[in-house]
Structures are given as structure tokens and as C-alpha cells.
Amino acid sequence: MNTQRPQLDSLDHLVLTVADLRKTLDFYCGILGCREVTFGAGRKAIRLGRQKINLHLKGREVAPHARRPTEGSADLCFLSETPIEDWIEHLHAKSVPIELGPVPRTGAENALCSIYIRDPDGNLIEIANAE
């Protein structure tokens, strides 16, 4: 019998409940540089690095799902090697308001320099550089 406790290794995907798939895809792919993915029976997701974010349309969530799926309830932090100053310039050019930053934050493994924006559903999106 194995006496070690089970352990989690990494995050594979998460799910966002969204009001409008097209607006969400345009934002994450067109503004943030993610890749649109279609899988299963026409389901949509966005891919970044080795992770993916599955998208559930509000009212048509795929079971099983969160007990109370709600658009705009997420707070996500994305790491980027692109300098924060370049992100600020890019977001201004795309007319995406920056809610806060750049500000220092504490990440899972490093100190971060972060800016905060909102996606079309109002989810808080942190874009960060590891220091």
C-alpha cells in the first residue's frame, strides 16, 4: 500500500461561464493573443501555453458544472514574458481600459509586476511579469 498522500501537479483547464461566446473569443484571442479551440460537439475554448479555458454559454452550461455558474465571477492572473510596458501600450491601442497598475504583487513562485483589466463579462484579468 502506498503511504504517500495524493498530490495535485498542475492546472489543466478551467471553465468560464460567458454571456457571449463571440465577444469572449474576440477579447481573449484578438486582444490577449490566445488561440481559439473547438472540441467535442462544437464546444469552444481558448488556449494559452499548456492550459486551456473552456467556455460555457450562460444558460447552456455543460454538465457537470459549478453549482452556481455565473458570468463575471472569475479573477484570473496570467503570466507574460512580454514587458508590462508593452502590454500597456497594446491595451491602450485596443481601447482596453487598465483598471489598476502597474503594481507589485505576490505570485505563486515569484514577485510580480501586474496590471488589471476586465474581460467582456467583467471578470478581473491580471497580466503579470515575474520579477
Protein backbone atom coordinates (compact mmCIF):
# COMPACT_ATOMS: atom_id res chain seq x y z
CA MET A 1 0.00 0.00 0.00
CA ASN A 2 1.26 3.48 -0.92
CA THR A 3 1.61 5.62 2.23
CA GLN A 4 2.10 8.96 0.43
CA ARG A 5 -0.80 11.38 0.23
CA PRO A 6 -2.15 12.04 -3.26
CA GLN A 7 -0.88 15.28 -4.77
CA LEU A 8 -2.02 17.68 -7.48
CA ASP A 9 0.59 18.67 -10.06
CA SER A 10 -0.79 21.46 -12.23
CA LEU A 11 -3.88 23.10 -13.66
CA ASP A 12 -5.03 21.61 -16.98
CA HIS A 13 -8.07 23.78 -17.68
CA LEU A 14 -10.73 25.87 -16.03
CA VAL A 15 -14.19 26.95 -17.15
CA LEU A 16 -15.59 30.43 -17.62
CA THR A 17 -19.32 30.99 -17.93
CA VAL A 18 -19.87 33.72 -20.53
CA ALA A 19 -22.77 35.79 -21.84
CA ASP A 20 -21.50 36.00 -25.44
CA LEU A 21 -19.09 33.43 -26.91
CA ARG A 22 -18.05 35.65 -29.85
CA LYS A 23 -17.23 38.67 -27.65
CA THR A 24 -15.26 36.45 -25.29
CA LEU A 25 -13.31 34.78 -28.12
CA ASP A 26 -12.61 38.16 -29.75
CA PHE A 27 -11.27 39.52 -26.46
CA TYR A 28 -9.09 36.58 -25.44
CA CYS A 29 -7.83 35.82 -28.95
CA GLY A 30 -7.83 39.28 -30.54
CA ILE A 31 -6.63 41.29 -27.53
CA LEU A 32 -4.74 38.82 -25.33
CA GLY A 33 -3.30 36.59 -28.07
CA CYS A 34 -4.86 33.27 -27.01
CA ARG A 35 -5.86 30.66 -29.58
CA GLU A 36 -9.46 29.62 -30.26
CA VAL A 37 -10.09 25.89 -29.90
CA THR A 38 -13.11 23.88 -31.00
CA PHE A 39 -13.52 20.44 -29.43
CA GLY A 40 -16.14 17.80 -28.68
CA ALA A 41 -19.50 18.57 -30.25
CA GLY A 42 -18.59 22.11 -31.29
CA ARG A 43 -17.61 23.34 -27.83
CA LYS A 44 -15.34 26.37 -27.61
CA ALA A 45 -12.26 27.10 -25.56
CA ILE A 46 -9.23 29.32 -25.59
CA ARG A 47 -5.72 28.00 -25.30
CA LEU A 48 -2.68 29.70 -23.82
CA GLY A 49 0.57 27.86 -23.36
CA ARG A 50 -0.19 24.41 -21.98
CA GLN A 51 -3.51 25.43 -20.43
CA LYS A 52 -6.99 25.96 -21.76
CA ILE A 53 -10.09 27.80 -20.66
CA ASN A 54 -13.33 26.08 -21.64
CA LEU A 55 -16.21 28.43 -22.34
CA HIS A 56 -19.77 27.68 -21.21
CA LEU A 57 -22.53 29.89 -22.54
CA LYS A 58 -24.72 31.15 -19.67
CA GLY A 59 -27.88 29.04 -19.52
CA ARG A 60 -26.34 26.29 -21.65
CA GLU A 61 -23.60 25.06 -19.33
CA VAL A 62 -22.18 21.59 -19.92
CA ALA A 63 -22.90 19.17 -17.06
CA PRO A 64 -21.43 18.66 -14.61
CA HIS A 65 -20.73 22.31 -13.87
CA ALA A 66 -20.28 24.67 -10.94
CA ARG A 67 -23.21 24.82 -8.55
CA ARG A 68 -23.94 28.45 -9.47
CA PRO A 69 -22.29 29.21 -12.82
CA THR A 70 -22.16 32.98 -13.21
CA GLU A 71 -20.51 35.18 -15.77
CA GLY A 72 -18.14 37.80 -14.40
CA SER A 73 -17.23 35.96 -11.19
CA ALA A 74 -13.63 34.98 -12.02
CA ASP A 75 -10.37 36.63 -11.01
CA LEU A 76 -7.55 35.28 -13.19
CA CYS A 77 -3.82 36.01 -13.30
CA PHE A 78 -1.86 35.37 -16.49
CA LEU A 79 1.93 35.42 -16.60
CA SER A 80 3.57 37.01 -19.63
CA GLU A 81 7.16 37.42 -20.78
CA THR A 82 6.07 40.49 -22.76
CA PRO A 83 7.09 43.54 -20.70
CA ILE A 84 4.21 45.20 -18.86
CA GLU A 85 5.02 48.50 -20.60
CA ASP A 86 4.38 46.80 -23.97
CA TRP A 87 1.07 45.41 -22.65
CA ILE A 88 0.04 48.90 -21.52
CA GLU A 89 0.79 50.32 -24.96
CA HIS A 90 -1.05 47.43 -26.69
CA LEU A 91 -4.12 47.71 -24.46
CA HIS A 92 -4.31 51.49 -24.95
CA ALA A 93 -4.13 50.96 -28.74
CA LYS A 94 -7.03 48.46 -28.48
CA SER A 95 -9.03 50.85 -26.23
CA VAL A 96 -8.99 48.41 -23.31
CA PRO A 97 -9.02 50.38 -20.04
CA ILE A 98 -6.46 49.45 -17.41
CA GLU A 99 -8.18 49.30 -14.05
CA LEU A 100 -5.03 49.26 -11.92
CA GLY A 101 -1.30 49.12 -12.34
CA PRO A 102 1.41 48.55 -12.81
CA VAL A 103 1.57 47.40 -9.19
CA PRO A 104 3.72 44.90 -7.27
CA ARG A 105 2.03 41.62 -6.35
CA THR A 106 2.98 38.24 -4.93
CA GLY A 107 2.60 35.26 -7.27
CA ALA A 108 2.74 31.52 -6.64
CA GLU A 109 6.51 31.38 -7.21
CA ASN A 110 7.78 34.95 -7.72
CA ALA A 111 7.17 38.59 -7.05
CA LEU A 112 5.06 40.06 -9.87
CA CYS A 113 4.56 43.37 -11.61
CA SER A 114 0.88 43.42 -12.62
CA ILE A 115 -1.79 45.35 -14.45
CA TYR A 116 -5.53 44.68 -14.20
CA ILE A 117 -8.21 44.81 -16.90
CA ARG A 118 -11.70 43.33 -17.34
CA ASP A 119 -12.97 40.92 -19.96
CA PRO A 120 -16.37 41.39 -21.67
CA ASP A 121 -18.18 39.65 -18.77
CA GLY A 122 -16.45 41.72 -16.10
CA ASN A 123 -14.01 39.02 -14.97
CA LEU A 124 -10.90 40.58 -13.44
CA ILE A 125 -7.85 39.79 -15.56
CA GLU A 126 -4.37 40.32 -14.14
CA ILE A 127 -1.45 40.34 -16.58
CA ALA A 128 1.85 39.94 -14.80
CA ASN A 129 5.58 39.80 -15.32
CA ALA A 130 7.60 37.69 -12.90
CA GLU A 131 10.28 39.83 -11.28
